[in-house]
Amino acid sequence: MKFETIYAAVKKIPRGKVATYGQVARLAGLPRRARLVGYALSALEKSGIPWHRVINAQGRISGRSEPMFEDEQRGLLEREGVVFTRGGRVPLARFQWRA
């Protein structure tokens, strides 16, 4: 199943690093399927998969319809040492995982 390959790729992202949706898609062997990565992560129940380490290509948290989602993701990343600029972006040059 495609979702399983996406989850396996996300599990590889180390603590304190982030990856973009497109990067995860490529790592999962699904190039140009960034949106599918978003669908897969939104389908997750609480699990050991570090979903919070996946952000968009602009270094921002992509919003969802769930209340407080962005605050939760930001808090989880900050606890891992990831910092945000005043504009709410993660400096990808510093925090993006290079697989």
PDB file of N, CA and C in Angstrom:
ATOM      1  N   MET A   1       0.837  -1.191   0.000  1.00  0.00           N
ATOM      2  CA  MET A   1       0.000   0.000   0.000  1.00  0.00           C
ATOM      3  C   MET A   1       0.877   1.248   0.000  1.00  0.00           C
ATOM      4  N   LYS A   2       0.482   2.265  -0.723  1.00  0.00           N
ATOM      5  CA  LYS A   2       1.267   3.480  -0.835  1.00  0.00           C
ATOM      6  C   LYS A   2       1.431   4.186   0.507  1.00  0.00           C
ATOM      7  N   PHE A   3       0.369   4.184   1.312  1.00  0.00           N
ATOM      8  CA  PHE A   3       0.477   4.848   2.608  1.00  0.00           C
ATOM      9  C   PHE A   3       1.576   4.214   3.452  1.00  0.00           C
ATOM     10  N   GLU A   4       1.716   2.919   3.405  1.00  0.00           N
ATOM     11  CA  GLU A   4       2.743   2.241   4.208  1.00  0.00           C
ATOM     12  C   GLU A   4       4.144   2.672   3.791  1.00  0.00           C
ATOM     13  N   THR A   5       4.385   2.859   2.481  1.00  0.00           N
ATOM     14  CA  THR A   5       5.712   3.306   2.043  1.00  0.00           C
ATOM     15  C   THR A   5       5.957   4.750   2.488  1.00  0.00           C
ATOM     16  N   ILE A   6       4.901   5.543   2.513  1.00  0.00           N
ATOM     17  CA  ILE A   6       5.028   6.916   3.007  1.00  0.00           C
ATOM     18  C   ILE A   6       5.355   6.910   4.497  1.00  0.00           C
ATOM     19  N   TYR A   7       4.649   6.093   5.259  1.00  0.00           N
ATOM     20  CA  TYR A   7       4.903   6.031   6.703  1.00  0.00           C
ATOM     21  C   TYR A   7       6.327   5.548   6.986  1.00  0.00           C
ATOM     22  N   ALA A   8       6.805   4.599   6.201  1.00  0.00           N
ATOM     23  CA  ALA A   8       8.180   4.104   6.386  1.00  0.00           C
ATOM     24  C   ALA A   8       9.186   5.222   6.130  1.00  0.00           C
ATOM     25  N   ALA A   9       8.930   6.054   5.130  1.00  0.00           N
ATOM     26  CA  ALA A   9       9.832   7.179   4.842  1.00  0.00           C
ATOM     27  C   ALA A   9       9.799   8.203   5.972  1.00  0.00           C
ATOM     28  N   VAL A  10       8.620   8.502   6.482  1.00  0.00           N
ATOM     29  CA  VAL A  10       8.493   9.493   7.557  1.00  0.00           C
ATOM     30  C   VAL A  10       9.208   9.005   8.822  1.00  0.00           C
ATOM     31  N   LYS A  11       9.148   7.719   9.081  1.00  0.00           N
ATOM     32  CA  LYS A  11       9.812   7.173  10.276  1.00  0.00           C
ATOM     33  C   LYS A  11      11.321   7.390  10.249  1.00  0.00           C
ATOM     34  N   LYS A  12      11.894   7.603   9.082  1.00  0.00           N
ATOM     35  CA  LYS A  12      13.349   7.790   8.953  1.00  0.00           C
ATOM     36  C   LYS A  12      13.802   9.206   9.282  1.00  0.00           C
ATOM     37  N   ILE A  13      12.877  10.149   9.327  1.00  0.00           N
ATOM     38  CA  ILE A  13      13.264  11.541   9.596  1.00  0.00           C
ATOM     39  C   ILE A  13      13.752  11.633  11.039  1.00  0.00           C
ATOM     40  N   PRO A  14      15.004  12.057  11.236  1.00  0.00           N
ATOM     41  CA  PRO A  14      15.534  12.094  12.605  1.00  0.00           C
ATOM     42  C   PRO A  14      14.930  13.219  13.456  1.00  0.00           C
ATOM     43  N   ARG A  15      14.995  13.007  14.735  1.00  0.00           N
ATOM     44  CA  ARG A  15      14.550  13.997  15.716  1.00  0.00           C
ATOM     45  C   ARG A  15      15.302  15.308  15.463  1.00  0.00           C
ATOM     46  N   GLY A  16      14.580  16.420  15.526  1.00  0.00           N
ATOM     47  CA  GLY A  16      15.209  17.722  15.333  1.00  0.00           C
ATOM     48  C   GLY A  16      15.377  18.121  13.872  1.00  0.00           C
ATOM     49  N   LYS A  17      14.857  17.327  12.966  1.00  0.00           N
ATOM     50  CA  LYS A  17      14.923  17.620  11.531  1.00  0.00           C
ATOM     51  C   LYS A  17      13.522  17.584  10.953  1.00  0.00           C
ATOM     52  N   VAL A  18      13.350  18.198   9.787  1.00  0.00           N
ATOM     53  CA  VAL A  18      12.075  18.173   9.084  1.00  0.00           C
ATOM     54  C   VAL A  18      12.309  17.726   7.653  1.00  0.00           C
ATOM     55  N   ALA A  19      11.237  17.311   7.008  1.00  0.00           N
ATOM     56  CA  ALA A  19      11.258  16.997   5.583  1.00  0.00           C
ATOM     57  C   ALA A  19      10.008  17.606   4.973  1.00  0.00           C
ATOM     58  N   THR A  20      10.070  17.907   3.701  1.00  0.00           N
ATOM     59  CA  THR A  20       8.905  18.459   3.023  1.00  0.00           C
ATOM     60  C   THR A  20       8.037  17.315   2.499  1.00  0.00           C
ATOM     61  N   TYR A  21       6.796  17.645   2.192  1.00  0.00           N
ATOM     62  CA  TYR A  21       5.884  16.642   1.642  1.00  0.00           C
ATOM     63  C   TYR A  21       6.456  16.047   0.355  1.00  0.00           C
ATOM     64  N   GLY A  22       7.005  16.892  -0.504  1.00  0.00           N
ATOM     65  CA  GLY A  22       7.591  16.404  -1.745  1.00  0.00           C
ATOM     66  C   GLY A  22       8.805  15.524  -1.518  1.00  0.00           C
ATOM     67  N   GLN A  23       9.605  15.870  -0.546  1.00  0.00           N
ATOM     68  CA  GLN A  23      10.783  15.077  -0.202  1.00  0.00           C
ATOM     69  C   GLN A  23      10.361  13.692   0.278  1.00  0.00           C
ATOM     70  N   VAL A  24       9.353  13.631   1.120  1.00  0.00           N
ATOM     71  CA  VAL A  24       8.856  12.341   1.605  1.00  0.00           C
ATOM     72  C   VAL A  24       8.316  11.519   0.438  1.00  0.00           C
ATOM     73  N   ALA A  25       7.606  12.172  -0.465  1.00  0.00           N
ATOM     74  CA  ALA A  25       7.077  11.451  -1.633  1.00  0.00           C
ATOM     75  C   ALA A  25       8.214  10.822  -2.443  1.00  0.00           C
ATOM     76  N   ARG A  26       9.269  11.579  -2.675  1.00  0.00           N
ATOM     77  CA  ARG A  26      10.420  11.031  -3.418  1.00  0.00           C
ATOM     78  C   ARG A  26      11.063   9.877  -2.666  1.00  0.00           C
ATOM     79  N   LEU A  27      11.237  10.033  -1.356  1.00  0.00           N
ATOM     80  CA  LEU A  27      11.840   8.967  -0.547  1.00  0.00           C
ATOM     81  C   LEU A  27      10.992   7.696  -0.558  1.00  0.00           C
ATOM     82  N   ALA A  28       9.693   7.871  -0.702  1.00  0.00           N
ATOM     83  CA  ALA A  28       8.769   6.735  -0.722  1.00  0.00           C
ATOM     84  C   ALA A  28       8.639   6.141  -2.129  1.00  0.00           C
ATOM     85  N   GLY A  29       9.379   6.692  -3.090  1.00  0.00           N
ATOM     86  CA  GLY A  29       9.287   6.199  -4.463  1.00  0.00           C
ATOM     87  C   GLY A  29       8.046   6.677  -5.184  1.00  0.00           C
ATOM     88  N   LEU A  30       7.516   7.822  -4.737  1.00  0.00           N
ATOM     89  CA  LEU A  30       6.291   8.379  -5.315  1.00  0.00           C
ATOM     90  C   LEU A  30       6.516   9.830  -5.731  1.00  0.00           C
ATOM     91  N   PRO A  31       7.454  10.070  -6.649  1.00  0.00           N
ATOM     92  CA  PRO A  31       7.761  11.459  -7.013  1.00  0.00           C
ATOM     93  C   PRO A  31       6.523  12.197  -7.507  1.00  0.00           C
ATOM     94  N   ARG A  32       6.491  13.485  -7.218  1.00  0.00           N
ATOM     95  CA  ARG A  32       5.388  14.379  -7.598  1.00  0.00           C
ATOM     96  C   ARG A  32       4.057  13.975  -6.969  1.00  0.00           C
ATOM     97  N   ARG A  33       4.120  13.322  -5.821  1.00  0.00           N
ATOM     98  CA  ARG A  33       2.891  12.908  -5.129  1.00  0.00           C
ATOM     99  C   ARG A  33       2.839  13.501  -3.719  1.00  0.00           C
ATOM    100  N   ALA A  34       3.298  14.736  -3.583  1.00  0.00           N
ATOM    101  CA  ALA A  34       3.319  15.396  -2.278  1.00  0.00           C
ATOM    102  C   ALA A  34       1.929  15.435  -1.649  1.00  0.00           C
ATOM    103  N   ARG A  35       0.919  15.657  -2.466  1.00  0.00           N
ATOM    104  CA  ARG A  35      -0.442  15.725  -1.936  1.00  0.00           C
ATOM    105  C   ARG A  35      -0.859  14.387  -1.327  1.00  0.00           C
ATOM    106  N   LEU A  36      -0.408  13.289  -1.927  1.00  0.00           N
ATOM    107  CA  LEU A  36      -0.704  11.959  -1.385  1.00  0.00           C
ATOM    108  C   LEU A  36      -0.078  11.801   0.003  1.00  0.00           C
ATOM    109  N   VAL A  37       1.106  12.365   0.186  1.00  0.00           N
ATOM    110  CA  VAL A  37       1.744  12.332   1.508  1.00  0.00           C
ATOM    111  C   VAL A  37       0.855  13.050   2.520  1.00  0.00           C
ATOM    112  N   GLY A  38       0.318  14.178   2.138  1.00  0.00           N
ATOM    113  CA  GLY A  38      -0.591  14.907   3.026  1.00  0.00           C
ATOM    114  C   GLY A  38      -1.814  14.089   3.383  1.00  0.00           C
ATOM    115  N   TYR A  39      -2.386  13.409   2.392  1.00  0.00           N
ATOM    116  CA  TYR A  39      -3.555  12.561   2.658  1.00  0.00           C
ATOM    117  C   TYR A  39      -3.190  11.427   3.613  1.00  0.00           C
ATOM    118  N   ALA A  40      -2.033  10.816   3.370  1.00  0.00           N
ATOM    119  CA  ALA A  40      -1.601   9.697   4.219  1.00  0.00           C
ATOM    120  C   ALA A  40      -1.412  10.153   5.660  1.00  0.00           C
ATOM    121  N   LEU A  41      -0.785  11.307   5.840  1.00  0.00           N
ATOM    122  CA  LEU A  41      -0.544  11.789   7.203  1.00  0.00           C
ATOM    123  C   LEU A  41      -1.829  12.227   7.888  1.00  0.00           C
ATOM    124  N   SER A  42      -2.762  12.764   7.132  1.00  0.00           N
ATOM    125  CA  SER A  42      -4.020  13.167   7.751  1.00  0.00           C
ATOM    126  C   SER A  42      -4.867  11.961   8.140  1.00  0.00           C
ATOM    127  N   ALA A  43      -4.597  10.808   7.540  1.00  0.00           N
ATOM    128  CA  ALA A  43      -5.343   9.590   7.857  1.00  0.00           C
ATOM    129  C   ALA A  43      -4.799   8.869   9.088  1.00  0.00           C
ATOM    130  N   LEU A  44      -3.652   9.328   9.579  1.00  0.00           N
ATOM    131  CA  LEU A  44      -3.022   8.671  10.727  1.00  0.00           C
ATOM    132  C   LEU A  44      -3.828   8.845  12.001  1.00  0.00           C
ATOM    133  N   GLU A  45      -3.927   7.790  12.743  1.00  0.00           N
ATOM    134  CA  GLU A  45      -4.411   7.873  14.122  1.00  0.00           C
ATOM    135  C   GLU A  45      -3.160   8.138  14.958  1.00  0.00           C
ATOM    136  N   LYS A  46      -3.299   8.298  16.235  1.00  0.00           N
ATOM    137  CA  LYS A  46      -2.126   8.462  17.096  1.00  0.00           C
ATOM    138  C   LYS A  46      -1.240   7.240  16.915  1.00  0.00           C
ATOM    139  N   SER A  47       0.023   7.480  16.633  1.00  0.00           N
ATOM    140  CA  SER A  47       0.932   6.377  16.317  1.00  0.00           C
ATOM    141  C   SER A  47       2.352   6.786  16.633  1.00  0.00           C
ATOM    142  N   GLY A  48       3.274   5.899  16.367  1.00  0.00           N
ATOM    143  CA  GLY A  48       4.684   6.193  16.574  1.00  0.00           C
ATOM    144  C   GLY A  48       5.323   6.857  15.373  1.00  0.00           C
ATOM    145  N   ILE A  49       4.534   7.216  14.388  1.00  0.00           N
ATOM    146  CA  ILE A  49       5.065   7.845  13.184  1.00  0.00           C
ATOM    147  C   ILE A  49       5.199   9.347  13.447  1.00  0.00           C
ATOM    148  N   PRO A  50       6.398   9.908  13.261  1.00  0.00           N
ATOM    149  CA  PRO A  50       6.621  11.325  13.579  1.00  0.00           C
ATOM    150  C   PRO A  50       6.068  12.269  12.506  1.00  0.00           C
ATOM    151  N   TRP A  51       4.768  12.269  12.344  1.00  0.00           N
ATOM    152  CA  TRP A  51       4.072  13.070  11.343  1.00  0.00           C
ATOM    153  C   TRP A  51       4.410  14.554  11.449  1.00  0.00           C
ATOM    154  N   HIS A  52       4.718  14.998  12.652  1.00  0.00           N
ATOM    155  CA  HIS A  52       4.952  16.419  12.888  1.00  0.00           C
ATOM    156  C   HIS A  52       6.230  16.922  12.219  1.00  0.00           C
ATOM    157  N   ARG A  53       7.085  16.027  11.752  1.00  0.00           N
ATOM    158  CA  ARG A  53       8.340  16.424  11.118  1.00  0.00           C
ATOM    159  C   ARG A  53       8.184  16.723   9.631  1.00  0.00           C
ATOM    160  N   VAL A  54       6.975  16.662   9.122  1.00  0.00           N
ATOM    161  CA  VAL A  54       6.723  16.922   7.703  1.00  0.00           C
ATOM    162  C   VAL A  54       6.039  18.280   7.563  1.00  0.00           C
ATOM    163  N   ILE A  55       6.664  19.158   6.780  1.00  0.00           N
ATOM    164  CA  ILE A  55       6.150  20.506   6.567  1.00  0.00           C
ATOM    165  C   ILE A  55       6.147  20.806   5.070  1.00  0.00           C
ATOM    166  N   ASN A  56       5.635  21.961   4.702  1.00  0.00           N
ATOM    167  CA  ASN A  56       5.572  22.262   3.272  1.00  0.00           C
ATOM    168  C   ASN A  56       6.894  22.841   2.758  1.00  0.00           C
ATOM    169  N   ALA A  57       6.985  22.983   1.455  1.00  0.00           N
ATOM    170  CA  ALA A  57       8.229  23.398   0.800  1.00  0.00           C
ATOM    171  C   ALA A  57       8.644  24.827   1.142  1.00  0.00           C
ATOM    172  N   GLN A  58       7.727  25.619   1.695  1.00  0.00           N
ATOM    173  CA  GLN A  58       8.071  26.974   2.126  1.00  0.00           C
ATOM    174  C   GLN A  58       8.571  27.007   3.571  1.00  0.00           C
ATOM    175  N   GLY A  59       8.659  25.840   4.188  1.00  0.00           N
ATOM    176  CA  GLY A  59       9.115  25.774   5.573  1.00  0.00           C
ATOM    177  C   GLY A  59       8.018  26.063   6.571  1.00  0.00           C
ATOM    178  N   ARG A  60       6.782  25.999   6.135  1.00  0.00           N
ATOM    179  CA  ARG A  60       5.648  26.290   7.008  1.00  0.00           C
ATOM    180  C   ARG A  60       4.859  25.029   7.343  1.00  0.00           C
ATOM    181  N   ILE A  61       4.143  25.108   8.426  1.00  0.00           N
ATOM    182  CA  ILE A  61       3.198  24.053   8.787  1.00  0.00           C
ATOM    183  C   ILE A  61       1.971  24.246   7.919  1.00  0.00           C
ATOM    184  N   SER A  62       1.528  23.186   7.287  1.00  0.00           N
ATOM    185  CA  SER A  62       0.316  23.262   6.472  1.00  0.00           C
ATOM    186  C   SER A  62      -0.899  23.082   7.366  1.00  0.00           C
ATOM    187  N   GLY A  63      -1.816  24.005   7.271  1.00  0.00           N
ATOM    188  CA  GLY A  63      -3.000  23.981   8.118  1.00  0.00           C
ATOM    189  C   GLY A  63      -3.932  22.826   7.798  1.00  0.00           C
ATOM    190  N   ARG A  64      -4.675  22.427   8.774  1.00  0.00           N
ATOM    191  CA  ARG A  64      -5.704  21.398   8.636  1.00  0.00           C
ATOM    192  C   ARG A  64      -6.979  21.915   9.288  1.00  0.00           C
ATOM    193  N   SER A  65      -8.034  21.177   9.084  1.00  0.00           N
ATOM    194  CA  SER A  65      -9.317  21.591   9.665  1.00  0.00           C
ATOM    195  C   SER A  65      -9.397  21.310  11.163  1.00  0.00           C
ATOM    196  N   GLU A  66      -8.477  20.512  11.677  1.00  0.00           N
ATOM    197  CA  GLU A  66      -8.493  20.181  13.107  1.00  0.00           C
ATOM    198  C   GLU A  66      -8.100  21.402  13.934  1.00  0.00           C
ATOM    199  N   PRO A  67      -8.886  21.718  14.958  1.00  0.00           N
ATOM    200  CA  PRO A  67      -8.527  22.859  15.797  1.00  0.00           C
ATOM    201  C   PRO A  67      -7.209  22.601  16.535  1.00  0.00           C
ATOM    202  N   MET A  68      -6.403  23.630  16.604  1.00  0.00           N
ATOM    203  CA  MET A  68      -5.135  23.595  17.343  1.00  0.00           C
ATOM    204  C   MET A  68      -4.070  22.708  16.713  1.00  0.00           C
ATOM    205  N   PHE A  69      -4.288  22.211  15.505  1.00  0.00           N
ATOM    206  CA  PHE A  69      -3.322  21.320  14.862  1.00  0.00           C
ATOM    207  C   PHE A  69      -1.961  21.993  14.692  1.00  0.00           C
ATOM    208  N   GLU A  70      -1.988  23.215  14.167  1.00  0.00           N
ATOM    209  CA  GLU A  70      -0.732  23.904  13.903  1.00  0.00           C
ATOM    210  C   GLU A  70       0.049  24.153  15.188  1.00  0.00           C
ATOM    211  N   ASP A  71      -0.652  24.521  16.266  1.00  0.00           N
ATOM    212  CA  ASP A  71       0.025  24.736  17.551  1.00  0.00           C
ATOM    213  C   ASP A  71       0.635  23.440  18.065  1.00  0.00           C
ATOM    214  N   GLU A  72      -0.074  22.334  17.901  1.00  0.00           N
ATOM    215  CA  GLU A  72       0.454  21.042  18.351  1.00  0.00           C
ATOM    216  C   GLU A  72       1.707  20.673  17.572  1.00  0.00           C
ATOM    217  N   GLN A  73       1.657  20.813  16.245  1.00  0.00           N
ATOM    218  CA  GLN A  73       2.816  20.458  15.437  1.00  0.00           C
ATOM    219  C   GLN A  73       4.004  21.360  15.761  1.00  0.00           C
ATOM    220  N   ARG A  74       3.754  22.625  15.884  1.00  0.00           N
ATOM    221  CA  ARG A  74       4.840  23.554  16.213  1.00  0.00           C
ATOM    222  C   ARG A  74       5.457  23.210  17.573  1.00  0.00           C
ATOM    223  N   GLY A  75       4.617  22.934  18.558  1.00  0.00           N
ATOM    224  CA  GLY A  75       5.118  22.582  19.880  1.00  0.00           C
ATOM    225  C   GLY A  75       5.977  21.324  19.852  1.00  0.00           C
ATOM    226  N   LEU A  76       5.539  20.319  19.114  1.00  0.00           N
ATOM    227  CA  LEU A  76       6.323  19.084  19.009  1.00  0.00           C
ATOM    228  C   LEU A  76       7.676  19.345  18.358  1.00  0.00           C
ATOM    229  N   LEU A  77       7.680  20.160  17.314  1.00  0.00           N
ATOM    230  CA  LEU A  77       8.947  20.479  16.645  1.00  0.00           C
ATOM    231  C   LEU A  77       9.861  21.299  17.551  1.00  0.00           C
ATOM    232  N   GLU A  78       9.303  22.271  18.232  1.00  0.00           N
ATOM    233  CA  GLU A  78      10.120  23.099  19.124  1.00  0.00           C
ATOM    234  C   GLU A  78      10.725  22.269  20.251  1.00  0.00           C
ATOM    235  N   ARG A  79       9.996  21.288  20.750  1.00  0.00           N
ATOM    236  CA  ARG A  79      10.545  20.407  21.791  1.00  0.00           C
ATOM    237  C   ARG A  79      11.718  19.585  21.275  1.00  0.00           C
ATOM    238  N   GLU A  80      11.797  19.413  19.973  1.00  0.00           N
ATOM    239  CA  GLU A  80      12.915  18.686  19.375  1.00  0.00           C
ATOM    240  C   GLU A  80      14.060  19.620  18.986  1.00  0.00           C
ATOM    241  N   GLY A  81      13.897  20.910  19.267  1.00  0.00           N
ATOM    242  CA  GLY A  81      14.958  21.868  18.971  1.00  0.00           C
ATOM    243  C   GLY A  81      14.812  22.602  17.650  1.00  0.00           C
ATOM    244  N   VAL A  82      13.741  22.358  16.926  1.00  0.00           N
ATOM    245  CA  VAL A  82      13.497  23.059  15.664  1.00  0.00           C
ATOM    246  C   VAL A  82      12.988  24.462  16.007  1.00  0.00           C
ATOM    247  N   VAL A  83      13.564  25.466  15.354  1.00  0.00           N
ATOM    248  CA  VAL A  83      13.148  26.838  15.610  1.00  0.00           C
ATOM    249  C   VAL A  83      12.372  27.386  14.418  1.00  0.00           C
ATOM    250  N   PHE A  84      11.568  28.401  14.700  1.00  0.00           N
ATOM    251  CA  PHE A  84      10.769  29.065  13.686  1.00  0.00           C
ATOM    252  C   PHE A  84      11.186  30.521  13.616  1.00  0.00           C
ATOM    253  N   THR A  85      11.130  31.090  12.433  1.00  0.00           N
ATOM    254  CA  THR A  85      11.399  32.513  12.278  1.00  0.00           C
ATOM    255  C   THR A  85      10.187  33.287  12.785  1.00  0.00           C
ATOM    256  N   ARG A  86      10.323  34.591  12.884  1.00  0.00           N
ATOM    257  CA  ARG A  86       9.185  35.424  13.299  1.00  0.00           C
ATOM    258  C   ARG A  86       8.021  35.277  12.336  1.00  0.00           C
ATOM    259  N   GLY A  87       8.322  34.961  11.088  1.00  0.00           N
ATOM    260  CA  GLY A  87       7.274  34.775  10.093  1.00  0.00           C
ATOM    261  C   GLY A  87       6.649  33.387  10.114  1.00  0.00           C
ATOM    262  N   GLY A  88       7.068  32.550  11.054  1.00  0.00           N
ATOM    263  CA  GLY A  88       6.474  31.225  11.204  1.00  0.00           C
ATOM    264  C   GLY A  88       7.041  30.152  10.291  1.00  0.00           C
ATOM    265  N   ARG A  89       8.240  30.362   9.799  1.00  0.00           N
ATOM    266  CA  ARG A  89       8.877  29.372   8.925  1.00  0.00           C
ATOM    267  C   ARG A  89      10.012  28.660   9.648  1.00  0.00           C
ATOM    268  N   VAL A  90      10.226  27.426   9.242  1.00  0.00           N
ATOM    269  CA  VAL A  90      11.395  26.684   9.702  1.00  0.00           C
ATOM    270  C   VAL A  90      12.504  26.962   8.692  1.00  0.00           C
ATOM    271  N   PRO A  91      13.682  27.395   9.127  1.00  0.00           N
ATOM    272  CA  PRO A  91      14.783  27.610   8.186  1.00  0.00           C
ATOM    273  C   PRO A  91      15.243  26.253   7.616  1.00  0.00           C
ATOM    274  N   LEU A  92      14.823  25.970   6.394  1.00  0.00           N
ATOM    275  CA  LEU A  92      15.104  24.661   5.812  1.00  0.00           C
ATOM    276  C   LEU A  92      16.599  24.426   5.627  1.00  0.00           C
ATOM    277  N   ALA A  93      17.361  25.477   5.360  1.00  0.00           N
ATOM    278  CA  ALA A  93      18.804  25.302   5.188  1.00  0.00           C
ATOM    279  C   ALA A  93      19.440  24.698   6.442  1.00  0.00           C
ATOM    280  N   ARG A  94      18.843  24.971   7.570  1.00  0.00           N
ATOM    281  CA  ARG A  94      19.391  24.479   8.843  1.00  0.00           C
ATOM    282  C   ARG A  94      18.729  23.185   9.329  1.00  0.00           C
ATOM    283  N   PHE A  95      17.420  23.041   9.119  1.00  0.00           N
ATOM    284  CA  PHE A  95      16.695  21.941   9.740  1.00  0.00           C
ATOM    285  C   PHE A  95      16.181  20.862   8.794  1.00  0.00           C
ATOM    286  N   GLN A  96      16.315  21.087   7.484  1.00  0.00           N
ATOM    287  CA  GLN A  96      15.805  20.050   6.571  1.00  0.00           C
ATOM    288  C   GLN A  96      16.736  18.856   6.579  1.00  0.00           C
ATOM    289  N   TRP A  97      16.139  17.685   6.703  1.00  0.00           N
ATOM    290  CA  TRP A  97      16.882  16.427   6.701  1.00  0.00           C
ATOM    291  C   TRP A  97      17.393  16.152   5.306  1.00  0.00           C
ATOM    292  N   ARG A  98      18.635  15.802   5.224  1.00  0.00           N
ATOM    293  CA  ARG A  98      19.253  15.426   3.951  1.00  0.00           C
ATOM    294  C   ARG A  98      19.475  13.928   3.970  1.00  0.00           C
ATOM    295  N   ALA A  99      18.594  13.216   3.309  1.00  0.00           N
ATOM    296  CA  ALA A  99      18.655  11.742   3.303  1.00  0.00           C
ATOM    297  C   ALA A  99      19.792  11.233   2.457  1.00  0.00           C
TER     298      ALA A  99
END
